[in-house]
Amino acid sequence: MALKVSLLVVSYMLGSIPFGYIIFKLFRGGDIRALGSGNIGATNVGRFLGMKGWIGTFLLDGGKGILAVVLTQRLIGDPAWGAFAGVLAILGHNYSAFLKFRGGKGVATALGVFAAIAPWAVLPSIALFIIMIFSFHYVSLGSITAAGAFPLFTYLFDYPQLVVIGAIAGAALIIGSHHSNIRRLLAGTENRISGKREEP
């Protein structure tokens, strides 16, 4: 049990590493949280650093989610504990121990987690994400919809019950982190994808 608890703590701390914050600080200086949406994730970093900033942040945030799951599964040998570790990684990203328990929305980290715990279920979720973005031009709407659908896909693809529960918990964290986006979507004031780099 000590190993399991230790791996959950490691997963949370791994998720807490604020790669978007670090990348922006290294390549532009300043605090990304003071710009744009105030988020440390790939979308906001990409607004100011362009596609390279977006890709770097996205891959590192997704990678830490994958690492948390794979490390736990390898050492414990139980997919359910891998799913729980993934949830802790998402929680760490959203409430980073290195940023006074504030963070991002967890989308890239969750994608890494979801791909590691249920790869077949993540494929239709990605397709849904892309469809929503191309149809409505809102990243947040695509993220919310894909996250909400992912637990259903894990169930339909007959993943273990505890993995489905982990998927529900992860999806709840993603949707909950988008509460302000949901309000703006309902009010019609949410930012659409522009494709332009902004200057601070």
N, C-alpha and C. Protein backbone atom coordinates (compact mmCIF):
# COMPACT_ATOMS: atom_id res chain seq x y z
N MET A 1 0.82 -1.21 0.00
CA MET A 1 0.00 0.00 0.00
C MET A 1 0.86 1.27 0.00
N ALA A 2 2.01 1.20 0.68
CA ALA A 2 2.89 2.37 0.73
C ALA A 2 3.37 2.76 -0.67
N LEU A 3 3.67 1.74 -1.50
CA LEU A 3 4.10 2.01 -2.87
C LEU A 3 2.98 2.67 -3.66
N LYS A 4 1.76 2.19 -3.49
CA LYS A 4 0.63 2.74 -4.22
C LYS A 4 0.40 4.20 -3.86
N VAL A 5 0.41 4.48 -2.56
CA VAL A 5 0.21 5.86 -2.11
C VAL A 5 1.34 6.75 -2.60
N SER A 6 2.57 6.23 -2.54
CA SER A 6 3.73 7.01 -3.00
C SER A 6 3.60 7.35 -4.48
N LEU A 7 3.14 6.40 -5.28
CA LEU A 7 2.99 6.64 -6.71
C LEU A 7 1.89 7.66 -7.00
N LEU A 8 0.85 7.66 -6.19
CA LEU A 8 -0.21 8.67 -6.36
C LEU A 8 0.33 10.06 -6.05
N VAL A 9 1.16 10.16 -5.01
CA VAL A 9 1.77 11.44 -4.67
C VAL A 9 2.72 11.89 -5.79
N VAL A 10 3.52 10.95 -6.29
CA VAL A 10 4.43 11.26 -7.40
C VAL A 10 3.64 11.72 -8.62
N SER A 11 2.53 11.08 -8.89
CA SER A 11 1.69 11.44 -10.03
C SER A 11 1.14 12.85 -9.88
N TYR A 12 0.71 13.19 -8.67
CA TYR A 12 0.23 14.55 -8.43
C TYR A 12 1.35 15.57 -8.64
N MET A 13 2.52 15.29 -8.11
CA MET A 13 3.64 16.23 -8.24
C MET A 13 4.10 16.34 -9.69
N LEU A 14 4.07 15.22 -10.40
CA LEU A 14 4.41 15.24 -11.82
C LEU A 14 3.42 16.11 -12.59
N GLY A 15 2.15 15.93 -12.29
CA GLY A 15 1.12 16.75 -12.93
C GLY A 15 1.24 18.21 -12.58
N SER A 16 1.81 18.50 -11.43
CA SER A 16 1.94 19.89 -10.96
C SER A 16 2.99 20.69 -11.72
N ILE A 17 3.89 20.02 -12.44
CA ILE A 17 4.94 20.76 -13.17
C ILE A 17 4.28 21.65 -14.22
N PRO A 18 4.40 22.97 -14.11
CA PRO A 18 3.68 23.89 -15.00
C PRO A 18 4.48 24.20 -16.27
N PHE A 19 4.47 23.27 -17.20
CA PHE A 19 5.33 23.41 -18.38
C PHE A 19 5.01 24.67 -19.19
N GLY A 20 3.74 25.01 -19.32
CA GLY A 20 3.40 26.22 -20.07
C GLY A 20 3.96 27.47 -19.43
N TYR A 21 3.88 27.53 -18.12
CA TYR A 21 4.43 28.65 -17.37
C TYR A 21 5.95 28.73 -17.57
N ILE A 22 6.60 27.57 -17.49
CA ILE A 22 8.07 27.51 -17.63
C ILE A 22 8.50 27.90 -19.04
N ILE A 23 7.83 27.36 -20.04
CA ILE A 23 8.18 27.65 -21.44
C ILE A 23 8.03 29.14 -21.73
N PHE A 24 6.93 29.73 -21.29
CA PHE A 24 6.73 31.16 -21.55
C PHE A 24 7.79 31.98 -20.82
N LYS A 25 8.09 31.61 -19.60
CA LYS A 25 9.10 32.33 -18.82
C LYS A 25 10.47 32.26 -19.50
N LEU A 26 10.81 31.11 -20.06
CA LEU A 26 12.11 30.93 -20.70
C LEU A 26 12.23 31.67 -22.02
N PHE A 27 11.17 31.65 -22.82
CA PHE A 27 11.28 32.16 -24.19
C PHE A 27 10.73 33.58 -24.38
N ARG A 28 9.94 34.06 -23.45
CA ARG A 28 9.40 35.41 -23.59
C ARG A 28 9.64 36.25 -22.33
N GLY A 29 9.71 35.62 -21.19
CA GLY A 29 9.82 36.35 -19.94
C GLY A 29 8.44 36.75 -19.46
N GLY A 30 8.31 36.98 -18.18
CA GLY A 30 7.01 37.36 -17.64
C GLY A 30 6.19 36.15 -17.25
N ASP A 31 4.95 36.41 -16.88
CA ASP A 31 4.05 35.38 -16.36
C ASP A 31 2.88 35.21 -17.32
N ILE A 32 2.75 34.04 -17.92
CA ILE A 32 1.67 33.78 -18.87
C ILE A 32 0.30 33.93 -18.22
N ARG A 33 0.25 33.79 -16.90
CA ARG A 33 -1.04 33.90 -16.21
C ARG A 33 -1.58 35.32 -16.22
N ALA A 34 -0.71 36.29 -16.54
CA ALA A 34 -1.15 37.69 -16.60
C ALA A 34 -1.61 38.08 -18.00
N LEU A 35 -1.60 37.12 -18.93
CA LEU A 35 -1.91 37.44 -20.32
C LEU A 35 -3.04 36.56 -20.84
N GLY A 36 -3.74 37.07 -21.84
CA GLY A 36 -4.78 36.28 -22.50
C GLY A 36 -5.83 35.78 -21.54
N SER A 37 -6.05 34.46 -21.57
CA SER A 37 -7.05 33.86 -20.70
C SER A 37 -6.55 33.66 -19.28
N GLY A 38 -5.24 33.87 -19.07
CA GLY A 38 -4.66 33.64 -17.75
C GLY A 38 -4.33 32.19 -17.49
N ASN A 39 -4.54 31.34 -18.48
CA ASN A 39 -4.31 29.91 -18.34
C ASN A 39 -2.86 29.56 -18.68
N ILE A 40 -2.34 28.49 -18.08
CA ILE A 40 -0.96 28.06 -18.34
C ILE A 40 -0.88 26.98 -19.41
N GLY A 41 -1.99 26.67 -20.04
CA GLY A 41 -2.03 25.59 -21.00
C GLY A 41 -1.58 25.98 -22.39
N ALA A 42 -1.60 24.99 -23.29
CA ALA A 42 -1.07 25.15 -24.65
C ALA A 42 -1.79 26.23 -25.44
N THR A 43 -3.10 26.32 -25.29
CA THR A 43 -3.86 27.29 -26.08
C THR A 43 -3.43 28.71 -25.77
N ASN A 44 -3.31 29.04 -24.50
CA ASN A 44 -2.92 30.40 -24.13
C ASN A 44 -1.46 30.67 -24.45
N VAL A 45 -0.59 29.70 -24.20
CA VAL A 45 0.83 29.87 -24.54
C VAL A 45 0.98 30.07 -26.04
N GLY A 46 0.23 29.31 -26.82
CA GLY A 46 0.30 29.43 -28.27
C GLY A 46 -0.15 30.78 -28.79
N ARG A 47 -1.03 31.44 -28.06
CA ARG A 47 -1.47 32.78 -28.46
C ARG A 47 -0.30 33.76 -28.53
N PHE A 48 0.69 33.55 -27.67
CA PHE A 48 1.79 34.51 -27.56
C PHE A 48 3.12 33.99 -28.08
N LEU A 49 3.28 32.67 -28.15
CA LEU A 49 4.53 32.10 -28.65
C LEU A 49 4.36 31.41 -30.00
N GLY A 50 3.14 31.37 -30.51
CA GLY A 50 2.92 30.74 -31.80
C GLY A 50 2.84 29.22 -31.71
N MET A 51 2.90 28.58 -32.87
CA MET A 51 2.70 27.14 -32.95
C MET A 51 3.76 26.35 -32.19
N LYS A 52 5.02 26.81 -32.21
CA LYS A 52 6.07 26.10 -31.48
C LYS A 52 5.78 26.08 -29.98
N GLY A 53 5.31 27.21 -29.45
CA GLY A 53 4.96 27.26 -28.03
C GLY A 53 3.80 26.35 -27.72
N TRP A 54 2.83 26.33 -28.63
CA TRP A 54 1.66 25.46 -28.44
C TRP A 54 2.09 24.00 -28.43
N ILE A 55 2.87 23.61 -29.42
CA ILE A 55 3.29 22.21 -29.54
C ILE A 55 4.13 21.78 -28.34
N GLY A 56 5.09 22.60 -27.95
CA GLY A 56 5.95 22.26 -26.82
C GLY A 56 5.16 22.07 -25.54
N THR A 57 4.25 23.00 -25.26
CA THR A 57 3.44 22.91 -24.05
C THR A 57 2.52 21.71 -24.11
N PHE A 58 1.88 21.51 -25.25
CA PHE A 58 0.94 20.40 -25.40
C PHE A 58 1.62 19.05 -25.20
N LEU A 59 2.77 18.87 -25.82
CA LEU A 59 3.47 17.58 -25.72
C LEU A 59 3.97 17.31 -24.31
N LEU A 60 4.51 18.33 -23.66
CA LEU A 60 5.02 18.14 -22.30
C LEU A 60 3.89 17.91 -21.31
N ASP A 61 2.80 18.66 -21.45
CA ASP A 61 1.66 18.45 -20.55
C ASP A 61 1.02 17.08 -20.78
N GLY A 62 0.90 16.69 -22.04
CA GLY A 62 0.37 15.36 -22.33
C GLY A 62 1.31 14.27 -21.87
N GLY A 63 2.61 14.50 -22.04
CA GLY A 63 3.60 13.51 -21.66
C GLY A 63 3.61 13.20 -20.17
N LYS A 64 3.39 14.22 -19.35
CA LYS A 64 3.41 13.96 -17.91
C LYS A 64 2.20 13.11 -17.50
N GLY A 65 1.09 13.27 -18.22
CA GLY A 65 -0.07 12.42 -17.96
C GLY A 65 0.21 10.97 -18.33
N ILE A 66 0.82 10.77 -19.49
CA ILE A 66 1.19 9.42 -19.91
C ILE A 66 2.17 8.79 -18.92
N LEU A 67 3.19 9.55 -18.53
CA LEU A 67 4.21 9.02 -17.63
C LEU A 67 3.62 8.60 -16.29
N ALA A 68 2.71 9.39 -15.76
CA ALA A 68 2.10 9.06 -14.47
C ALA A 68 1.37 7.72 -14.54
N VAL A 69 0.63 7.52 -15.63
CA VAL A 69 -0.13 6.27 -15.79
C VAL A 69 0.80 5.08 -16.02
N VAL A 70 1.72 5.22 -16.97
CA VAL A 70 2.60 4.11 -17.34
C VAL A 70 3.49 3.70 -16.17
N LEU A 71 4.05 4.68 -15.47
CA LEU A 71 4.91 4.38 -14.32
C LEU A 71 4.15 3.58 -13.27
N THR A 72 2.94 4.02 -12.96
CA THR A 72 2.14 3.34 -11.94
C THR A 72 1.73 1.95 -12.38
N GLN A 73 1.30 1.82 -13.62
CA GLN A 73 0.89 0.50 -14.12
C GLN A 73 2.06 -0.47 -14.14
N ARG A 74 3.23 0.01 -14.52
CA ARG A 74 4.40 -0.88 -14.58
C ARG A 74 4.80 -1.37 -13.19
N LEU A 75 4.74 -0.48 -12.21
CA LEU A 75 5.21 -0.83 -10.87
C LEU A 75 4.17 -1.59 -10.06
N ILE A 76 2.89 -1.37 -10.36
CA ILE A 76 1.84 -2.04 -9.59
C ILE A 76 1.19 -3.16 -10.39
N GLY A 77 1.12 -2.99 -11.71
CA GLY A 77 0.54 -4.03 -12.56
C GLY A 77 -0.96 -4.07 -12.57
N ASP A 78 -1.59 -2.93 -12.27
CA ASP A 78 -3.05 -2.88 -12.21
C ASP A 78 -3.53 -1.65 -12.98
N PRO A 79 -4.32 -1.84 -14.05
CA PRO A 79 -4.81 -0.70 -14.83
C PRO A 79 -5.63 0.30 -14.02
N ALA A 80 -6.33 -0.21 -13.01
CA ALA A 80 -7.15 0.68 -12.19
C ALA A 80 -6.28 1.71 -11.46
N TRP A 81 -5.16 1.25 -10.91
CA TRP A 81 -4.27 2.18 -10.22
C TRP A 81 -3.61 3.14 -11.20
N GLY A 82 -3.39 2.69 -12.42
CA GLY A 82 -2.91 3.60 -13.45
C GLY A 82 -3.91 4.71 -13.71
N ALA A 83 -5.20 4.35 -13.74
CA ALA A 83 -6.24 5.36 -13.95
C ALA A 83 -6.29 6.34 -12.78
N PHE A 84 -6.17 5.82 -11.56
CA PHE A 84 -6.19 6.70 -10.39
C PHE A 84 -4.99 7.65 -10.42
N ALA A 85 -3.83 7.12 -10.81
CA ALA A 85 -2.63 7.97 -10.91
C ALA A 85 -2.85 9.06 -11.95
N GLY A 86 -3.51 8.71 -13.05
CA GLY A 86 -3.80 9.69 -14.08
C GLY A 86 -4.69 10.81 -13.57
N VAL A 87 -5.69 10.44 -12.78
CA VAL A 87 -6.57 11.46 -12.19
C VAL A 87 -5.77 12.41 -11.30
N LEU A 88 -4.82 11.85 -10.54
CA LEU A 88 -3.98 12.70 -9.67
C LEU A 88 -3.09 13.61 -10.50
N ALA A 89 -2.63 13.14 -11.66
CA ALA A 89 -1.82 13.99 -12.54
C ALA A 89 -2.64 15.16 -13.07
N ILE A 90 -3.88 14.88 -13.47
CA ILE A 90 -4.77 15.96 -13.93
C ILE A 90 -5.03 16.94 -12.79
N LEU A 91 -5.28 16.39 -11.60
CA LEU A 91 -5.52 17.24 -10.44
C LEU A 91 -4.30 18.12 -10.16
N GLY A 92 -3.11 17.55 -10.30
CA GLY A 92 -1.88 18.33 -10.09
C GLY A 92 -1.75 19.45 -11.10
N HIS A 93 -2.10 19.18 -12.36
CA HIS A 93 -2.02 20.24 -13.37
C HIS A 93 -3.01 21.36 -13.06
N ASN A 94 -4.22 20.99 -12.68
CA ASN A 94 -5.25 22.00 -12.41
C ASN A 94 -5.01 22.76 -11.12
N TYR A 95 -4.37 22.11 -10.16
CA TYR A 95 -4.10 22.73 -8.85
C TYR A 95 -2.63 22.47 -8.50
N SER A 96 -1.76 23.17 -9.20
CA SER A 96 -0.32 22.91 -9.10
C SER A 96 0.26 23.30 -7.75
N ALA A 97 1.01 22.37 -7.17
CA ALA A 97 1.71 22.65 -5.91
C ALA A 97 2.77 23.72 -6.09
N PHE A 98 3.20 23.95 -7.32
CA PHE A 98 4.25 24.93 -7.60
C PHE A 98 3.71 26.32 -7.92
N LEU A 99 2.39 26.43 -8.06
CA LEU A 99 1.77 27.72 -8.39
C LEU A 99 0.67 28.06 -7.39
N LYS A 100 0.94 27.77 -6.12
CA LYS A 100 -0.01 28.06 -5.05
C LYS A 100 -1.36 27.42 -5.30
N PHE A 101 -1.32 26.19 -5.81
CA PHE A 101 -2.50 25.36 -6.06
C PHE A 101 -3.46 25.98 -7.07
N ARG A 102 -2.87 26.70 -8.03
CA ARG A 102 -3.61 27.12 -9.21
C ARG A 102 -2.92 26.52 -10.42
N GLY A 103 -3.61 26.44 -11.51
CA GLY A 103 -2.98 25.82 -12.68
C GLY A 103 -3.79 26.03 -13.94
N GLY A 104 -3.82 24.99 -14.77
CA GLY A 104 -4.50 25.07 -16.05
C GLY A 104 -5.82 24.34 -16.02
N LYS A 105 -6.29 23.99 -17.20
CA LYS A 105 -7.57 23.31 -17.32
C LYS A 105 -7.42 21.81 -17.52
N GLY A 106 -6.18 21.36 -17.72
CA GLY A 106 -5.90 19.93 -17.71
C GLY A 106 -6.19 19.16 -18.98
N VAL A 107 -6.48 19.85 -20.09
CA VAL A 107 -6.90 19.15 -21.30
C VAL A 107 -5.79 18.28 -21.88
N ALA A 108 -4.60 18.85 -22.10
CA ALA A 108 -3.50 18.08 -22.68
C ALA A 108 -3.06 16.96 -21.74
N THR A 109 -3.00 17.25 -20.45
CA THR A 109 -2.64 16.22 -19.47
C THR A 109 -3.67 15.10 -19.47
N ALA A 110 -4.94 15.47 -19.53
CA ALA A 110 -6.00 14.47 -19.57
C ALA A 110 -5.93 13.63 -20.84
N LEU A 111 -5.59 14.26 -21.96
CA LEU A 111 -5.46 13.49 -23.20
C LEU A 111 -4.37 12.44 -23.06
N GLY A 112 -3.25 12.81 -22.45
CA GLY A 112 -2.19 11.84 -22.21
C GLY A 112 -2.65 10.72 -21.30
N VAL A 113 -3.35 11.08 -20.24
CA VAL A 113 -3.88 10.09 -19.30
C VAL A 113 -4.87 9.17 -20.00
N PHE A 114 -5.82 9.77 -20.71
CA PHE A 114 -6.85 8.97 -21.37
C PHE A 114 -6.26 8.03 -22.42
N ALA A 115 -5.26 8.53 -23.16
CA ALA A 115 -4.61 7.69 -24.18
C ALA A 115 -3.89 6.51 -23.54
N ALA A 116 -3.37 6.71 -22.34
CA ALA A 116 -2.63 5.65 -21.65
C ALA A 116 -3.55 4.62 -21.00
N ILE A 117 -4.69 5.06 -20.48
CA ILE A 117 -5.56 4.12 -19.77
C ILE A 117 -6.58 3.45 -20.69
N ALA A 118 -6.94 4.11 -21.78
CA ALA A 118 -7.97 3.55 -22.67
C ALA A 118 -7.76 4.05 -24.10
N PRO A 119 -6.72 3.56 -24.77
CA PRO A 119 -6.38 4.10 -26.10
C PRO A 119 -7.48 3.97 -27.14
N TRP A 120 -8.25 2.87 -27.10
CA TRP A 120 -9.32 2.73 -28.09
C TRP A 120 -10.44 3.71 -27.83
N ALA A 121 -10.69 4.03 -26.59
CA ALA A 121 -11.76 4.97 -26.26
C ALA A 121 -11.37 6.41 -26.54
N VAL A 122 -10.06 6.70 -26.54
CA VAL A 122 -9.64 8.08 -26.75
C VAL A 122 -9.74 8.47 -28.22
N LEU A 123 -9.69 7.51 -29.13
CA LEU A 123 -9.74 7.83 -30.56
C LEU A 123 -11.05 8.51 -30.98
N PRO A 124 -12.22 7.95 -30.63
CA PRO A 124 -13.46 8.66 -30.97
C PRO A 124 -13.61 9.98 -30.21
N SER A 125 -13.00 10.07 -29.03
CA SER A 125 -13.04 11.34 -28.29
C SER A 125 -12.27 12.42 -29.03
N ILE A 126 -11.11 12.06 -29.58
CA ILE A 126 -10.33 13.02 -30.37
C ILE A 126 -11.10 13.43 -31.62
N ALA A 127 -11.73 12.45 -32.27
CA ALA A 127 -12.53 12.75 -33.46
C ALA A 127 -13.65 13.74 -33.12
N LEU A 128 -14.30 13.51 -31.99
CA LEU A 128 -15.37 14.41 -31.56
C LEU A 128 -14.84 15.80 -31.27
N PHE A 129 -13.68 15.87 -30.63
CA PHE A 129 -13.02 17.15 -30.34
C PHE A 129 -12.78 17.93 -31.64
N ILE A 130 -12.24 17.25 -32.63
CA ILE A 130 -11.94 17.90 -33.91
C ILE A 130 -13.21 18.37 -34.61
N ILE A 131 -14.23 17.52 -34.60
CA ILE A 131 -15.51 17.88 -35.23
C ILE A 131 -16.10 19.12 -34.58
N MET A 132 -16.08 19.19 -33.26
CA MET A 132 -16.66 20.33 -32.55
C MET A 132 -15.89 21.61 -32.84
N ILE A 133 -14.57 21.52 -32.92
CA ILE A 133 -13.76 22.72 -33.20
C ILE A 133 -14.00 23.21 -34.63
N PHE A 134 -14.01 22.30 -35.58
CA PHE A 134 -14.22 22.71 -36.97
C PHE A 134 -15.65 23.22 -37.19
N SER A 135 -16.59 22.70 -36.41
CA SER A 135 -17.98 23.11 -36.57
C SER A 135 -18.29 24.44 -35.89
N PHE A 136 -17.71 24.65 -34.71
CA PHE A 136 -18.08 25.83 -33.91
C PHE A 136 -16.92 26.77 -33.60
N HIS A 137 -15.68 26.34 -33.83
CA HIS A 137 -14.49 27.18 -33.65
C HIS A 137 -14.24 27.58 -32.19
N TYR A 138 -14.67 26.72 -31.26
CA TYR A 138 -14.39 26.95 -29.84
C TYR A 138 -13.56 25.78 -29.32
N VAL A 139 -12.34 26.05 -28.88
CA VAL A 139 -11.52 24.99 -28.29
C VAL A 139 -12.18 24.46 -27.02
N SER A 140 -12.72 25.35 -26.22
CA SER A 140 -13.33 24.95 -24.95
C SER A 140 -14.50 24.01 -25.17
N LEU A 141 -15.33 24.28 -26.16
CA LEU A 141 -16.48 23.42 -26.44
C LEU A 141 -16.03 22.04 -26.88
N GLY A 142 -14.98 21.99 -27.71
CA GLY A 142 -14.43 20.70 -28.12
C GLY A 142 -13.89 19.92 -26.93
N SER A 143 -13.19 20.61 -26.04
CA SER A 143 -12.61 19.96 -24.86
C SER A 143 -13.69 19.42 -23.94
N ILE A 144 -14.70 20.23 -23.68
CA ILE A 144 -15.79 19.82 -22.78
C ILE A 144 -16.54 18.63 -23.34
N THR A 145 -16.86 18.69 -24.63
CA THR A 145 -17.62 17.62 -25.27
C THR A 145 -16.83 16.32 -25.30
N ALA A 146 -15.57 16.40 -25.69
CA ALA A 146 -14.74 15.20 -25.77
C ALA A 146 -14.52 14.58 -24.39
N ALA A 147 -14.28 15.42 -23.40
CA ALA A 147 -14.09 14.91 -22.03
C ALA A 147 -15.35 14.24 -21.52
N GLY A 148 -16.49 14.86 -21.79
CA GLY A 148 -17.75 14.29 -21.33
C GLY A 148 -18.08 12.96 -21.99
N ALA A 149 -17.65 12.81 -23.25
CA ALA A 149 -17.95 11.58 -23.99
C ALA A 149 -16.98 10.45 -23.67
N PHE A 150 -15.79 10.78 -23.21
CA PHE A 150 -14.76 9.76 -23.00
C PHE A 150 -15.20 8.64 -22.06
N PRO A 151 -15.79 8.93 -20.89
CA PRO A 151 -16.22 7.82 -20.03
C PRO A 151 -17.22 6.89 -20.72
N LEU A 152 -18.10 7.47 -21.54
CA LEU A 152 -19.05 6.63 -22.27
C LEU A 152 -18.32 5.69 -23.23
N PHE A 153 -17.30 6.20 -23.90
CA PHE A 153 -16.53 5.36 -24.81
C PHE A 153 -15.77 4.27 -24.06
N THR A 154 -15.26 4.57 -22.87
CA THR A 154 -14.57 3.53 -22.10
C THR A 154 -15.54 2.41 -21.72
N TYR A 155 -16.77 2.80 -21.44
CA TYR A 155 -17.81 1.80 -21.12
C TYR A 155 -18.17 0.97 -22.35
N LEU A 156 -18.35 1.65 -23.48
CA LEU A 156 -18.74 0.95 -24.71
C LEU A 156 -17.64 0.02 -25.21
N PHE A 157 -16.38 0.39 -24.95
CA PHE A 157 -15.26 -0.47 -25.35
C PHE A 157 -14.92 -1.50 -24.28
N ASP A 158 -15.76 -1.59 -23.26
CA ASP A 158 -15.68 -2.64 -22.24
C ASP A 158 -14.37 -2.63 -21.45
N TYR A 159 -13.92 -1.44 -21.08
CA TYR A 159 -12.76 -1.34 -20.19
C TYR A 159 -13.20 -1.71 -18.77
N PRO A 160 -12.26 -2.10 -17.89
CA PRO A 160 -12.62 -2.46 -16.52
C PRO A 160 -13.39 -1.35 -15.80
N GLN A 161 -14.26 -1.76 -14.90
CA GLN A 161 -15.14 -0.81 -14.22
C GLN A 161 -14.37 0.30 -13.52
N LEU A 162 -13.27 -0.04 -12.85
CA LEU A 162 -12.51 0.98 -12.14
C LEU A 162 -11.83 1.95 -13.10
N VAL A 163 -11.50 1.50 -14.30
CA VAL A 163 -10.96 2.41 -15.31
C VAL A 163 -12.05 3.37 -15.77
N VAL A 164 -13.26 2.87 -15.93
CA VAL A 164 -14.40 3.73 -16.29
C VAL A 164 -14.63 4.78 -15.21
N ILE A 165 -14.54 4.36 -13.95
CA ILE A 165 -14.71 5.30 -12.84
C ILE A 165 -13.60 6.35 -12.87
N GLY A 166 -12.37 5.92 -13.13
CA GLY A 166 -11.27 6.87 -13.27
C GLY A 166 -11.51 7.84 -14.41
N ALA A 167 -12.07 7.33 -15.51
CA ALA A 167 -12.39 8.19 -16.66
C ALA A 167 -13.44 9.23 -16.29
N ILE A 168 -14.43 8.81 -15.51
CA ILE A 168 -15.47 9.75 -15.06
C ILE A 168 -14.86 10.84 -14.19
N ALA A 169 -13.97 10.43 -13.27
CA ALA A 169 -13.33 11.41 -12.39
C ALA A 169 -12.48 12.40 -13.19
N GLY A 170 -11.71 11.88 -14.14
CA GLY A 170 -10.88 12.75 -14.97
C GLY A 170 -11.72 13.71 -15.80
N ALA A 171 -12.80 13.20 -16.38
CA ALA A 171 -13.69 14.04 -17.18
C ALA A 171 -14.33 15.13 -16.32
N ALA A 172 -14.70 14.76 -15.09
CA ALA A 172 -15.31 15.75 -14.19
C ALA A 172 -14.34 16.88 -13.88
N LEU A 173 -13.06 16.55 -13.72
CA LEU A 173 -12.05 17.59 -13.47
C LEU A 173 -11.93 18.53 -14.66
N ILE A 174 -11.96 17.97 -15.88
CA ILE A 174 -11.84 18.79 -17.08
C ILE A 174 -13.06 19.70 -17.22
N ILE A 175 -14.24 19.14 -17.11
CA ILE A 175 -15.45 19.94 -17.26
C ILE A 175 -15.54 20.99 -16.16
N GLY A 176 -15.20 20.61 -14.93
CA GLY A 176 -15.23 21.57 -13.83
C GLY A 176 -14.26 22.71 -14.01
N SER A 177 -13.11 22.43 -14.61
CA SER A 177 -12.12 23.49 -14.82
C SER A 177 -12.55 24.48 -15.91
N HIS A 178 -13.57 24.11 -16.67
CA HIS A 178 -14.07 24.97 -17.75
C HIS A 178 -15.34 25.73 -17.34
N HIS A 179 -15.57 25.88 -16.05
CA HIS A 179 -16.82 26.52 -15.62
C HIS A 179 -16.97 27.94 -16.16
N SER A 180 -15.86 28.68 -16.20
CA SER A 180 -15.94 30.05 -16.73
C SER A 180 -16.18 30.04 -18.24
N ASN A 181 -15.59 29.06 -18.93
CA ASN A 181 -15.83 28.93 -20.37
C ASN A 181 -17.29 28.59 -20.66
N ILE A 182 -17.85 27.72 -19.82
CA ILE A 182 -19.26 27.35 -20.00
C ILE A 182 -20.15 28.57 -19.86
N ARG A 183 -19.86 29.41 -18.87
CA ARG A 183 -20.65 30.64 -18.70
C ARG A 183 -20.52 31.54 -19.93
N ARG A 184 -19.30 31.67 -20.45
CA ARG A 184 -19.10 32.52 -21.63
C ARG A 184 -19.75 31.93 -22.88
N LEU A 185 -19.71 30.61 -23.00
CA LEU A 185 -20.38 29.96 -24.13
C LEU A 185 -21.88 30.23 -24.09
N LEU A 186 -22.45 30.12 -22.92
CA LEU A 186 -23.88 30.36 -22.77
C LEU A 186 -24.23 31.82 -23.03
N ALA A 187 -23.29 32.72 -22.67
CA ALA A 187 -23.53 34.15 -22.87
C ALA A 187 -23.15 34.62 -24.27
N GLY A 188 -22.49 33.74 -25.04
CA GLY A 188 -22.06 34.11 -26.38
C GLY A 188 -20.84 34.99 -26.42
N THR A 189 -20.03 34.96 -25.36
CA THR A 189 -18.85 35.83 -25.28
C THR A 189 -17.53 35.05 -25.28
N GLU A 190 -17.59 33.75 -25.49
CA GLU A 190 -16.37 32.94 -25.50
C GLU A 190 -15.52 33.27 -26.73
N ASN A 191 -14.19 33.26 -26.56
CA ASN A 191 -13.28 33.54 -27.67
C ASN A 191 -13.25 32.38 -28.65
N ARG A 192 -13.34 32.70 -29.93
CA ARG A 192 -13.20 31.70 -30.98
C ARG A 192 -11.73 31.58 -31.37
N ILE A 193 -11.40 30.52 -32.10
CA ILE A 193 -10.04 30.34 -32.61
C ILE A 193 -9.79 31.40 -33.66
N SER A 194 -8.67 32.13 -33.52
CA SER A 194 -8.34 33.17 -34.49
C SER A 194 -7.18 32.77 -35.39
N GLY A 195 -6.26 31.92 -34.85
CA GLY A 195 -5.10 31.52 -35.63
C GLY A 195 -4.01 32.57 -35.69
N LYS A 196 -4.19 33.69 -34.96
CA LYS A 196 -3.20 34.76 -34.98
C LYS A 196 -2.40 34.77 -33.69
N ARG A 197 -1.10 35.07 -33.81
CA ARG A 197 -0.28 35.23 -32.62
C ARG A 197 -0.53 36.61 -32.03
N GLU A 198 -0.69 36.66 -30.71
CA GLU A 198 -0.91 37.93 -30.04
C GLU A 198 0.38 38.44 -29.43
N GLU A 199 0.45 39.73 -29.22
CA GLU A 199 1.60 40.34 -28.56
C GLU A 199 1.20 40.77 -27.17
N PRO A 200 2.04 40.51 -26.15
CA PRO A 200 1.72 40.92 -24.78
C PRO A 200 1.75 42.43 -24.64
